[in-house]
Each structure stands twice: as structure tokens, then as C-alpha cells.
């Protein structure tokens, strides 16, 4: 990468851009440069893109939950990430900064490989460049992750909700479990351990009565598709350790996607999962 591939980025331009939910913990004051040229993006890398054609996703979910309407020519701040949703899109991080797609409304830039028959064509975007720090180093969502931490003490009872597929009622089940526990006077912590970055599920759990609701984006992952088993186990440990440190009486976890997806299957069959989770509800 040569110096000509790096240019200063004015904060005014960054402020005007619409930023996805996946970027909500990013300190935008640390973004100073725009990086182009022959560079291979990685999952979690921040990217500034231009909307070329509106397709399936007509809105971008922002950090506060507002669904911002998209227009052709809009500039967006997204994260690169892989995605697999059997009822929407399968997509992967591309090999370069060539045109790709808005693969998820929460702010995932990826190249769509296949789609469900009921989906419209994905919204087309062109990357303008990766977002970098003052020295021109690409910034990744992991730069603002919750620190890996340990927890010493008696662990609260931990319940995991898993399902055979997407849209099988996992979040609804988790939220109503939280509701019942909270109504009984318990302080409940909640977390979504796997999935694609979006706010609806954690807000649902918070509305059910969770005193704190976290998800994998808090640990620096815009999605968990194609994350290694070790990475997913570290996500589980970090989220549950942070919740336990809040002196909660119980923890409710949602394990997104279906049991047939590799990341979910590897997690629920792992020793760390069995050591962490005392109760499992399957749907």
C-alpha cells in the first residue's frame, strides 16, 4: 500500500454519513484517514461506502435503533462481515474493495453469493475506502471490544435458548423467560451470543426486564458466521463474565441461527458451553 492510497478524511464528511448498528461502539473521533488501493478487507474492518442501487434493504439500522431511509448516493459507514441467513442472503467478505452489497440492515458490507427466492436483489454499494487512524492503519470493530475478562465467584444460573433454525421463536422465548424471572424479583442479565449484528433482539430482551443486555458486537464481531470455534467460545466467556460481574441473579442467553449451522453446533457441543450453561431450552 503506497502513500497515494491514503488520504485524510474530514470529520464533516464522516458526520454526514449514515452509520450502521454494527459500528455503534466505534469512537468516530479516532477515524482520520480513508484507505484505498489494492487491499484485502477483513471481517470487522470499517468501510465508507456509496449506495449505488436500492434493493432489498431500503433502510439502514443505526446504533440508536432508528431505521434510516437510504437514497442513491448516500455514504454509509459499515463493517465488512460474512453472513448466512437461509431466508435472506449468504454473503462473504470480498477479496478487494470492488463493488459489493449491503448484506444486512444492521450494517454489513459483503458480496452476496446466493439469496432466498423471496428476496429482492441486494442493495448495491461501492466501497470508497477502509477507514483508518491518523497513521493510516485500517480500523476494525475489534478495536472497541469489551476486554476479555475472568470472573471469580459463584456463577449465577445460566439458561441458553437454542433452536433448529432462524425465526423459530428463540428471542421471544428468551424475552419471556427474562420477563418471568424479573417479575419474580430477580436481577437478570441477557446476551445474544451468535448471529448477525442487529438491535431488535437485545432490545427485546431489555424490554422484557433484563438489567443489561449484550451481544457479540460488544466483543467486536459484526457477525459470527465463519468465526472459529475458539472465537465463539471466547465470545460466550466474555459476555457471561461481564454479566456475572454485574451481580445478576440469573443469565439468559440466546444462541442465534440453527443447530445445523457450524458455529452454533460447535458451540453447544463444546466443553466451555456445558460448563457455563446449566439449563437449555430448545425450539
C-alpha atoms as a PDB file:
ATOM      1  CA  UNK A   1       0.000   0.000   0.000  1.00  0.00           C
ATOM      2  CA  UNK A   2       1.520   3.321  -1.082  1.00  0.00           C
ATOM      3  CA  UNK A   3       1.054   6.774   0.360  1.00  0.00           C
ATOM      4  CA  UNK A   4      -1.169   7.695  -2.567  1.00  0.00           C
ATOM      5  CA  UNK A   5      -3.702   5.127  -1.299  1.00  0.00           C
ATOM      6  CA  UNK A   6      -4.185   7.040   1.961  1.00  0.00           C
ATOM      7  CA  UNK A   7      -5.923  10.389   2.241  1.00  0.00           C
ATOM      8  CA  UNK A   8      -7.143  12.475   5.132  1.00  0.00           C
ATOM      9  CA  UNK A   9     -10.841  12.208   5.908  1.00  0.00           C
ATOM     10  CA  UNK A  10     -12.705  15.299   7.031  1.00  0.00           C
ATOM     11  CA  UNK A  11     -14.866  14.798  10.110  1.00  0.00           C
ATOM     12  CA  UNK A  12     -17.688  16.707   8.420  1.00  0.00           C
ATOM     13  CA  UNK A  13     -17.925  14.021   5.750  1.00  0.00           C
ATOM     14  CA  UNK A  14     -17.905  11.285   8.370  1.00  0.00           C
ATOM     15  CA  UNK A  15     -20.609  13.052  10.371  1.00  0.00           C
ATOM     16  CA  UNK A  16     -22.878  13.237   7.315  1.00  0.00           C
ATOM     17  CA  UNK A  17     -22.570   9.511   6.625  1.00  0.00           C
ATOM     18  CA  UNK A  18     -25.207   7.130   7.971  1.00  0.00           C
ATOM     19  CA  UNK A  19     -23.603   4.601  10.328  1.00  0.00           C
ATOM     20  CA  UNK A  20     -24.897   1.066  10.873  1.00  0.00           C
ATOM     21  CA  UNK A  21     -25.755  -0.635  14.153  1.00  0.00           C
ATOM     22  CA  UNK A  22     -22.592  -2.728  13.872  1.00  0.00           C
ATOM     23  CA  UNK A  23     -20.497   0.428  14.370  1.00  0.00           C
ATOM     24  CA  UNK A  24     -22.316   1.728  17.437  1.00  0.00           C
ATOM     25  CA  UNK A  25     -19.383   1.386  19.854  1.00  0.00           C
ATOM     26  CA  UNK A  26     -16.851   2.928  17.470  1.00  0.00           C
ATOM     27  CA  UNK A  27     -15.196   6.168  18.602  1.00  0.00           C
ATOM     28  CA  UNK A  28     -15.529   8.164  15.391  1.00  0.00           C
ATOM     29  CA  UNK A  29     -13.025  10.709  16.700  1.00  0.00           C
ATOM     30  CA  UNK A  30     -10.321   8.095  16.113  1.00  0.00           C
ATOM     31  CA  UNK A  31     -11.119   7.882  12.405  1.00  0.00           C
ATOM     32  CA  UNK A  32      -8.812  10.159  10.424  1.00  0.00           C
ATOM     33  CA  UNK A  33      -7.967   8.564   7.081  1.00  0.00           C
ATOM     34  CA  UNK A  34      -9.519   6.875   4.066  1.00  0.00           C
ATOM     35  CA  UNK A  35      -7.563   3.927   2.673  1.00  0.00           C
ATOM     36  CA  UNK A  36      -7.923   2.678  -0.891  1.00  0.00           C
ATOM     37  CA  UNK A  37      -5.867   0.784  -3.442  1.00  0.00           C
ATOM     38  CA  UNK A  38      -5.052  -2.908  -3.533  1.00  0.00           C
ATOM     39  CA  UNK A  39      -6.049  -4.031  -0.071  1.00  0.00           C
ATOM     40  CA  UNK A  40      -7.905  -7.110   1.158  1.00  0.00           C
ATOM     41  CA  UNK A  41     -10.518  -6.275   3.789  1.00  0.00           C
ATOM     42  CA  UNK A  42     -11.116  -8.441   6.843  1.00  0.00           C
ATOM     43  CA  UNK A  43     -14.260  -9.165   8.796  1.00  0.00           C
ATOM     44  CA  UNK A  44     -14.870  -6.252  11.140  1.00  0.00           C
ATOM     45  CA  UNK A  45     -12.966  -3.676   9.087  1.00  0.00           C
ATOM     46  CA  UNK A  46     -14.736  -0.327   8.945  1.00  0.00           C
ATOM     47  CA  UNK A  47     -15.544   0.904   5.455  1.00  0.00           C
ATOM     48  CA  UNK A  48     -17.072   4.016   3.923  1.00  0.00           C
ATOM     49  CA  UNK A  49     -19.352   3.105   1.020  1.00  0.00           C
ATOM     50  CA  UNK A  50     -21.632   4.782  -1.500  1.00  0.00           C
ATOM     51  CA  UNK A  51     -25.137   3.472  -2.215  1.00  0.00           C
ATOM     52  CA  UNK A  52     -25.479   2.727  -5.930  1.00  0.00           C
ATOM     53  CA  UNK A  53     -28.831   0.973  -6.207  1.00  0.00           C
ATOM     54  CA  UNK A  54     -31.575   0.399  -3.629  1.00  0.00           C
ATOM     55  CA  UNK A  55     -32.610  -3.242  -3.362  1.00  0.00           C
ATOM     56  CA  UNK A  56     -33.841  -5.493  -0.546  1.00  0.00           C
ATOM     57  CA  UNK A  57     -32.584  -3.240   2.228  1.00  0.00           C
ATOM     58  CA  UNK A  58     -34.182   0.161   1.815  1.00  0.00           C
ATOM     59  CA  UNK A  59     -33.191   1.272   5.315  1.00  0.00           C
ATOM     60  CA  UNK A  60     -30.086   1.105   7.493  1.00  0.00           C
ATOM     61  CA  UNK A  61     -30.496   0.290  11.170  1.00  0.00           C
ATOM     62  CA  UNK A  62     -28.415   2.772  13.129  1.00  0.00           C
ATOM     63  CA  UNK A  63     -26.873   2.499  16.571  1.00  0.00           C
ATOM     64  CA  UNK A  64     -29.901   4.034  18.295  1.00  0.00           C
ATOM     65  CA  UNK A  65     -32.278   1.682  16.517  1.00  0.00           C
ATOM     66  CA  UNK A  66     -33.622   4.216  14.036  1.00  0.00           C
ATOM     67  CA  UNK A  67     -34.131   2.790  10.554  1.00  0.00           C
ATOM     68  CA  UNK A  68     -32.636   5.444   8.285  1.00  0.00           C
ATOM     69  CA  UNK A  69     -34.103   5.560   4.773  1.00  0.00           C
ATOM     70  CA  UNK A  70     -31.462   5.073   2.094  1.00  0.00           C
ATOM     71  CA  UNK A  71     -31.079   7.098  -1.074  1.00  0.00           C
ATOM     72  CA  UNK A  72     -28.849   6.522  -4.070  1.00  0.00           C
ATOM     73  CA  UNK A  73     -25.608   8.394  -3.490  1.00  0.00           C
ATOM     74  CA  UNK A  74     -25.761   8.132   0.313  1.00  0.00           C
ATOM     75  CA  UNK A  75     -22.486   7.458   2.067  1.00  0.00           C
ATOM     76  CA  UNK A  76     -22.609   4.817   4.811  1.00  0.00           C
ATOM     77  CA  UNK A  77     -20.222   3.603   7.491  1.00  0.00           C
ATOM     78  CA  UNK A  78     -20.421  -0.194   7.626  1.00  0.00           C
ATOM     79  CA  UNK A  79     -18.422  -3.202   8.774  1.00  0.00           C
ATOM     80  CA  UNK A  80     -17.250  -5.915   6.456  1.00  0.00           C
ATOM     81  CA  UNK A  81     -18.599  -9.280   7.552  1.00  0.00           C
ATOM     82  CA  UNK A  82     -19.727 -12.734   6.440  1.00  0.00           C
ATOM     83  CA  UNK A  83     -23.402 -13.625   6.593  1.00  0.00           C
ATOM     84  CA  UNK A  84     -25.550 -16.716   6.312  1.00  0.00           C
ATOM     85  CA  UNK A  85     -29.319 -16.423   6.661  1.00  0.00           C
ATOM     86  CA  UNK A  86     -31.233 -19.187   4.895  1.00  0.00           C
ATOM     87  CA  UNK A  87     -34.281 -16.978   4.447  1.00  0.00           C
ATOM     88  CA  UNK A  88     -32.292 -13.971   3.209  1.00  0.00           C
ATOM     89  CA  UNK A  89     -28.684 -13.908   1.977  1.00  0.00           C
ATOM     90  CA  UNK A  90     -25.453 -15.863   2.004  1.00  0.00           C
ATOM     91  CA  UNK A  91     -22.545 -13.429   1.685  1.00  0.00           C
ATOM     92  CA  UNK A  92     -18.810 -13.243   2.283  1.00  0.00           C
ATOM     93  CA  UNK A  93     -16.140 -10.607   2.790  1.00  0.00           C
ATOM     94  CA  UNK A  94     -14.796  -9.846  -0.712  1.00  0.00           C
ATOM     95  CA  UNK A  95     -11.164 -10.125  -1.740  1.00  0.00           C
ATOM     96  CA  UNK A  96     -10.809  -6.419  -2.505  1.00  0.00           C
ATOM     97  CA  UNK A  97     -12.620  -3.072  -2.422  1.00  0.00           C
ATOM     98  CA  UNK A  98     -14.702  -3.781  -5.513  1.00  0.00           C
ATOM     99  CA  UNK A  99     -18.466  -3.111  -5.571  1.00  0.00           C
ATOM    100  CA  UNK A 100     -20.461  -5.390  -3.262  1.00  0.00           C
ATOM    101  CA  UNK A 101     -23.713  -5.307  -1.267  1.00  0.00           C
ATOM    102  CA  UNK A 102     -25.444  -4.252   1.919  1.00  0.00           C
ATOM    103  CA  UNK A 103     -25.947  -7.837   3.120  1.00  0.00           C
ATOM    104  CA  UNK A 104     -27.753  -6.997   6.374  1.00  0.00           C
ATOM    105  CA  UNK A 105     -29.729  -3.975   7.525  1.00  0.00           C
ATOM    106  CA  UNK A 106     -27.595  -3.651  10.666  1.00  0.00           C
ATOM    107  CA  UNK A 107     -24.650  -2.559   8.546  1.00  0.00           C
ATOM    108  CA  UNK A 108     -22.809  -5.491   6.926  1.00  0.00           C
ATOM    109  CA  UNK A 109     -20.851  -4.960   3.706  1.00  0.00           C
ATOM    110  CA  UNK A 110     -20.272  -8.208   1.822  1.00  0.00           C
ATOM    111  CA  UNK A 111     -20.505  -9.891  -1.557  1.00  0.00           C
ATOM    112  CA  UNK A 112     -23.802 -11.764  -1.821  1.00  0.00           C
ATOM    113  CA  UNK A 113     -23.324 -15.303  -3.132  1.00  0.00           C
ATOM    114  CA  UNK A 114     -26.906 -16.557  -3.003  1.00  0.00           C
ATOM    115  CA  UNK A 115     -30.330 -15.451  -1.821  1.00  0.00           C
ATOM    116  CA  UNK A 116     -33.735 -16.769  -0.890  1.00  0.00           C
ATOM    117  CA  UNK A 117     -36.278 -16.750  -3.712  1.00  0.00           C
ATOM    118  CA  UNK A 118     -38.448 -14.238  -1.817  1.00  0.00           C
ATOM    119  CA  UNK A 119     -35.656 -11.674  -1.524  1.00  0.00           C
ATOM    120  CA  UNK A 120     -35.243  -8.708  -3.827  1.00  0.00           C
ATOM    121  CA  UNK A 121     -31.817  -8.092  -5.282  1.00  0.00           C
ATOM    122  CA  UNK A 122     -29.442  -6.862  -2.545  1.00  0.00           C
ATOM    123  CA  UNK A 123     -28.777  -3.153  -2.199  1.00  0.00           C
ATOM    124  CA  UNK A 124     -25.664  -2.408  -4.276  1.00  0.00           C
ATOM    125  CA  UNK A 125     -22.809  -0.407  -2.772  1.00  0.00           C
ATOM    126  CA  UNK A 126     -19.336   0.705  -3.815  1.00  0.00           C
ATOM    127  CA  UNK A 127     -16.609   0.921  -1.163  1.00  0.00           C
ATOM    128  CA  UNK A 128     -14.898   4.305  -1.174  1.00  0.00           C
ATOM    129  CA  UNK A 129     -12.192   3.095   1.188  1.00  0.00           C
ATOM    130  CA  UNK A 130     -11.417   1.490   4.513  1.00  0.00           C
ATOM    131  CA  UNK A 131     -11.474   3.820   7.496  1.00  0.00           C
ATOM    132  CA  UNK A 132      -8.161   4.270   9.238  1.00  0.00           C
ATOM    133  CA  UNK A 133      -6.450   6.020  12.118  1.00  0.00           C
ATOM    134  CA  UNK A 134      -4.117   9.021  11.914  1.00  0.00           C
ATOM    135  CA  UNK A 135      -1.251   6.774  10.770  1.00  0.00           C
ATOM    136  CA  UNK A 136      -3.306   5.202   8.003  1.00  0.00           C
ATOM    137  CA  UNK A 137      -3.820   1.865   9.745  1.00  0.00           C
ATOM    138  CA  UNK A 138      -7.212   0.250   8.997  1.00  0.00           C
ATOM    139  CA  UNK A 139      -9.591   0.330  11.945  1.00  0.00           C
ATOM    140  CA  UNK A 140     -11.508  -2.795  12.892  1.00  0.00           C
ATOM    141  CA  UNK A 141     -14.605  -3.203  15.026  1.00  0.00           C
ATOM    142  CA  UNK A 142     -12.475  -5.294  17.397  1.00  0.00           C
ATOM    143  CA  UNK A 143     -10.607  -2.105  18.380  1.00  0.00           C
ATOM    144  CA  UNK A 144     -13.603  -1.223  20.576  1.00  0.00           C
ATOM    145  CA  UNK A 145     -14.397  -4.665  22.003  1.00  0.00           C
ATOM    146  CA  UNK A 146     -15.200  -5.420  25.620  1.00  0.00           C
ATOM    147  CA  UNK A 147     -11.997  -6.711  27.216  1.00  0.00           C
ATOM    148  CA  UNK A 148     -11.611 -10.436  27.770  1.00  0.00           C
ATOM    149  CA  UNK A 149     -12.117 -10.866  31.485  1.00  0.00           C
ATOM    150  CA  UNK A 150     -12.400 -13.619  34.056  1.00  0.00           C
ATOM    151  CA  UNK A 151     -14.944 -13.934  36.842  1.00  0.00           C
ATOM    152  CA  UNK A 152     -14.159 -15.289  40.274  1.00  0.00           C
ATOM    153  CA  UNK A 153     -17.148 -16.192  42.345  1.00  0.00           C
ATOM    154  CA  UNK A 154     -20.298 -18.254  42.279  1.00  0.00           C
ATOM    155  CA  UNK A 155     -21.811 -18.126  38.829  1.00  0.00           C
ATOM    156  CA  UNK A 156     -25.488 -17.266  38.539  1.00  0.00           C
ATOM    157  CA  UNK A 157     -27.827 -19.858  36.998  1.00  0.00           C
ATOM    158  CA  UNK A 158     -27.453 -19.598  33.228  1.00  0.00           C
ATOM    159  CA  UNK A 159     -30.150 -20.557  30.729  1.00  0.00           C
ATOM    160  CA  UNK A 160     -29.489 -20.892  26.987  1.00  0.00           C
ATOM    161  CA  UNK A 161     -32.215 -20.780  24.346  1.00  0.00           C
ATOM    162  CA  UNK A 162     -31.359 -22.582  21.112  1.00  0.00           C
ATOM    163  CA  UNK A 163     -33.390 -23.581  18.069  1.00  0.00           C
ATOM    164  CA  UNK A 164     -33.326 -25.649  14.911  1.00  0.00           C
ATOM    165  CA  UNK A 165     -33.371 -22.642  12.581  1.00  0.00           C
ATOM    166  CA  UNK A 166     -33.773 -18.904  12.275  1.00  0.00           C
ATOM    167  CA  UNK A 167     -37.158 -17.419  13.196  1.00  0.00           C
ATOM    168  CA  UNK A 168     -38.073 -20.378  15.416  1.00  0.00           C
ATOM    169  CA  UNK A 169     -39.036 -18.205  18.396  1.00  0.00           C
ATOM    170  CA  UNK A 170     -35.739 -18.105  20.289  1.00  0.00           C
ATOM    171  CA  UNK A 171     -35.760 -14.383  21.049  1.00  0.00           C
ATOM    172  CA  UNK A 172     -39.425 -14.430  22.048  1.00  0.00           C
ATOM    173  CA  UNK A 173     -38.775 -17.356  24.366  1.00  0.00           C
ATOM    174  CA  UNK A 174     -35.720 -15.670  25.882  1.00  0.00           C
ATOM    175  CA  UNK A 175     -37.568 -12.381  26.409  1.00  0.00           C
ATOM    176  CA  UNK A 176     -40.480 -14.074  28.166  1.00  0.00           C
ATOM    177  CA  UNK A 177     -38.113 -16.068  30.357  1.00  0.00           C
ATOM    178  CA  UNK A 178     -36.450 -12.806  31.323  1.00  0.00           C
ATOM    179  CA  UNK A 179     -39.849 -11.279  31.961  1.00  0.00           C
ATOM    180  CA  UNK A 180     -40.864 -14.083  34.317  1.00  0.00           C
ATOM    181  CA  UNK A 181     -37.587 -14.055  36.220  1.00  0.00           C
ATOM    182  CA  UNK A 182     -37.607 -10.272  36.550  1.00  0.00           C
ATOM    183  CA  UNK A 183     -41.237 -10.258  37.743  1.00  0.00           C
ATOM    184  CA  UNK A 184     -40.234 -12.720  40.465  1.00  0.00           C
ATOM    185  CA  UNK A 185     -37.769 -10.145  41.775  1.00  0.00           C
ATOM    186  CA  UNK A 186     -34.572 -11.414  40.182  1.00  0.00           C
ATOM    187  CA  UNK A 187     -31.943  -9.239  38.534  1.00  0.00           C
ATOM    188  CA  UNK A 188     -31.446 -10.729  35.072  1.00  0.00           C
ATOM    189  CA  UNK A 189     -28.584 -10.335  32.623  1.00  0.00           C
ATOM    190  CA  UNK A 190     -29.016 -11.306  28.965  1.00  0.00           C
ATOM    191  CA  UNK A 191     -26.866 -11.819  25.910  1.00  0.00           C
ATOM    192  CA  UNK A 192     -27.138 -12.848  22.290  1.00  0.00           C
ATOM    193  CA  UNK A 193     -24.024 -14.918  21.667  1.00  0.00           C
ATOM    194  CA  UNK A 194     -24.157 -15.544  17.902  1.00  0.00           C
ATOM    195  CA  UNK A 195     -25.817 -14.107  14.817  1.00  0.00           C
ATOM    196  CA  UNK A 196     -25.702 -11.032  12.598  1.00  0.00           C
ATOM    197  CA  UNK A 197     -25.421  -7.562  14.098  1.00  0.00           C
ATOM    198  CA  UNK A 198     -28.857  -6.012  14.705  1.00  0.00           C
ATOM    199  CA  UNK A 199     -30.506  -4.425  17.698  1.00  0.00           C
ATOM    200  CA  UNK A 200     -34.007  -5.876  17.778  1.00  0.00           C
ATOM    201  CA  UNK A 201     -33.181  -8.984  19.795  1.00  0.00           C
ATOM    202  CA  UNK A 202     -31.189  -7.336  22.573  1.00  0.00           C
ATOM    203  CA  UNK A 203     -33.748  -4.539  22.865  1.00  0.00           C
ATOM    204  CA  UNK A 204     -36.497  -7.157  23.087  1.00  0.00           C
ATOM    205  CA  UNK A 205     -34.629  -8.797  25.974  1.00  0.00           C
ATOM    206  CA  UNK A 206     -34.051  -5.424  27.620  1.00  0.00           C
ATOM    207  CA  UNK A 207     -37.761  -4.606  27.296  1.00  0.00           C
ATOM    208  CA  UNK A 208     -38.525  -7.975  28.885  1.00  0.00           C
ATOM    209  CA  UNK A 209     -36.744  -6.815  32.016  1.00  0.00           C
ATOM    210  CA  UNK A 210     -33.038  -7.531  31.554  1.00  0.00           C
ATOM    211  CA  UNK A 211     -30.935  -5.130  33.622  1.00  0.00           C
ATOM    212  CA  UNK A 212     -28.180  -5.453  30.998  1.00  0.00           C
ATOM    213  CA  UNK A 213     -28.445  -6.966  27.516  1.00  0.00           C
ATOM    214  CA  UNK A 214     -25.270  -7.532  25.490  1.00  0.00           C
ATOM    215  CA  UNK A 215     -24.446  -9.209  22.201  1.00  0.00           C
ATOM    216  CA  UNK A 216     -21.460 -10.384  20.170  1.00  0.00           C
ATOM    217  CA  UNK A 217     -20.992  -6.932  18.639  1.00  0.00           C
ATOM    218  CA  UNK A 218     -19.933  -5.786  22.111  1.00  0.00           C
ATOM    219  CA  UNK A 219     -16.995  -8.189  21.763  1.00  0.00           C
ATOM    220  CA  UNK A 220     -16.007  -6.740  18.372  1.00  0.00           C
ATOM    221  CA  UNK A 221     -17.760  -9.120  15.966  1.00  0.00           C
ATOM    222  CA  UNK A 222     -20.204  -7.658  13.413  1.00  0.00           C
ATOM    223  CA  UNK A 223     -21.325 -11.249  12.728  1.00  0.00           C
ATOM    224  CA  UNK A 224     -20.274 -14.676  13.973  1.00  0.00           C
ATOM    225  CA  UNK A 225     -20.695 -16.554  10.676  1.00  0.00           C
ATOM    226  CA  UNK A 226     -17.357 -18.233   9.866  1.00  0.00           C
ATOM    227  CA  UNK A 227     -15.903 -17.323  13.254  1.00  0.00           C
ATOM    228  CA  UNK A 228     -13.731 -20.115  14.628  1.00  0.00           C
ATOM    229  CA  UNK A 229     -14.979 -22.330  17.482  1.00  0.00           C
ATOM    230  CA  UNK A 230     -12.368 -20.724  19.753  1.00  0.00           C
ATOM    231  CA  UNK A 231     -13.595 -17.226  18.862  1.00  0.00           C
ATOM    232  CA  UNK A 232     -17.237 -18.127  19.577  1.00  0.00           C
ATOM    233  CA  UNK A 233     -16.263 -19.714  22.880  1.00  0.00           C
ATOM    234  CA  UNK A 234     -14.380 -16.537  23.817  1.00  0.00           C
ATOM    235  CA  UNK A 235     -17.482 -14.501  22.949  1.00  0.00           C
ATOM    236  CA  UNK A 236     -19.535 -16.698  25.274  1.00  0.00           C
ATOM    237  CA  UNK A 237     -16.994 -16.391  28.083  1.00  0.00           C
ATOM    238  CA  UNK A 238     -16.559 -12.626  27.750  1.00  0.00           C
ATOM    239  CA  UNK A 239     -20.291 -11.878  27.672  1.00  0.00           C
ATOM    240  CA  UNK A 240     -21.184 -14.167  30.582  1.00  0.00           C
ATOM    241  CA  UNK A 241     -18.240 -12.964  32.677  1.00  0.00           C
ATOM    242  CA  UNK A 242     -19.267  -9.329  32.202  1.00  0.00           C
ATOM    243  CA  UNK A 243     -22.861 -10.137  33.102  1.00  0.00           C
ATOM    244  CA  UNK A 244     -21.866 -12.142  36.175  1.00  0.00           C
ATOM    245  CA  UNK A 245     -19.730  -9.218  37.329  1.00  0.00           C
ATOM    246  CA  UNK A 246     -22.921  -7.120  37.451  1.00  0.00           C
ATOM    247  CA  UNK A 247     -24.190  -9.291  40.327  1.00  0.00           C
ATOM    248  CA  UNK A 248     -27.127 -10.616  38.366  1.00  0.00           C
ATOM    249  CA  UNK A 249     -29.232 -13.408  39.846  1.00  0.00           C
ATOM    250  CA  UNK A 250     -29.631 -15.213  36.516  1.00  0.00           C
ATOM    251  CA  UNK A 251     -28.344 -15.048  32.941  1.00  0.00           C
ATOM    252  CA  UNK A 252     -30.436 -15.799  29.845  1.00  0.00           C
ATOM    253  CA  UNK A 253     -28.570 -16.434  26.580  1.00  0.00           C
ATOM    254  CA  UNK A 254     -29.831 -16.615  23.028  1.00  0.00           C
ATOM    255  CA  UNK A 255     -27.800 -18.785  20.654  1.00  0.00           C
ATOM    256  CA  UNK A 256     -28.891 -17.486  17.274  1.00  0.00           C
ATOM    257  CA  UNK A 257     -29.215 -19.352  13.975  1.00  0.00           C
ATOM    258  CA  UNK A 258     -29.983 -23.051  13.843  1.00  0.00           C
ATOM    259  CA  UNK A 259     -28.319 -26.039  15.438  1.00  0.00           C
ATOM    260  CA  UNK A 260     -27.320 -27.202  11.955  1.00  0.00           C
ATOM    261  CA  UNK A 261     -25.134 -24.138  11.403  1.00  0.00           C
ATOM    262  CA  UNK A 262     -21.490 -24.946  12.033  1.00  0.00           C
ATOM    263  CA  UNK A 263     -20.799 -22.182  14.563  1.00  0.00           C
ATOM    264  CA  UNK A 264     -23.899 -22.998  16.628  1.00  0.00           C
ATOM    265  CA  UNK A 265     -23.315 -26.733  16.524  1.00  0.00           C
ATOM    266  CA  UNK A 266     -19.674 -26.387  17.576  1.00  0.00           C
ATOM    267  CA  UNK A 267     -20.577 -24.063  20.449  1.00  0.00           C
ATOM    268  CA  UNK A 268     -23.397 -26.070  22.034  1.00  0.00           C
ATOM    269  CA  UNK A 269     -21.358 -29.286  21.866  1.00  0.00           C
ATOM    270  CA  UNK A 270     -18.255 -27.689  23.403  1.00  0.00           C
ATOM    271  CA  UNK A 271     -16.973 -28.234  26.944  1.00  0.00           C
ATOM    272  CA  UNK A 272     -16.967 -24.462  27.768  1.00  0.00           C
ATOM    273  CA  UNK A 273     -20.668 -24.298  26.837  1.00  0.00           C
ATOM    274  CA  UNK A 274     -21.536 -27.240  29.074  1.00  0.00           C
ATOM    275  CA  UNK A 275     -19.510 -25.716  31.902  1.00  0.00           C
ATOM    276  CA  UNK A 276     -21.249 -22.341  31.534  1.00  0.00           C
ATOM    277  CA  UNK A 277     -24.848 -23.264  30.823  1.00  0.00           C
ATOM    278  CA  UNK A 278     -26.915 -25.142  33.363  1.00  0.00           C
ATOM    279  CA  UNK A 279     -30.277 -25.085  31.566  1.00  0.00           C
ATOM    280  CA  UNK A 280     -31.088 -25.359  27.859  1.00  0.00           C
ATOM    281  CA  UNK A 281     -34.368 -24.705  26.094  1.00  0.00           C
ATOM    282  CA  UNK A 282     -34.678 -25.945  22.503  1.00  0.00           C
ATOM    283  CA  UNK A 283     -37.225 -24.864  19.962  1.00  0.00           C
END
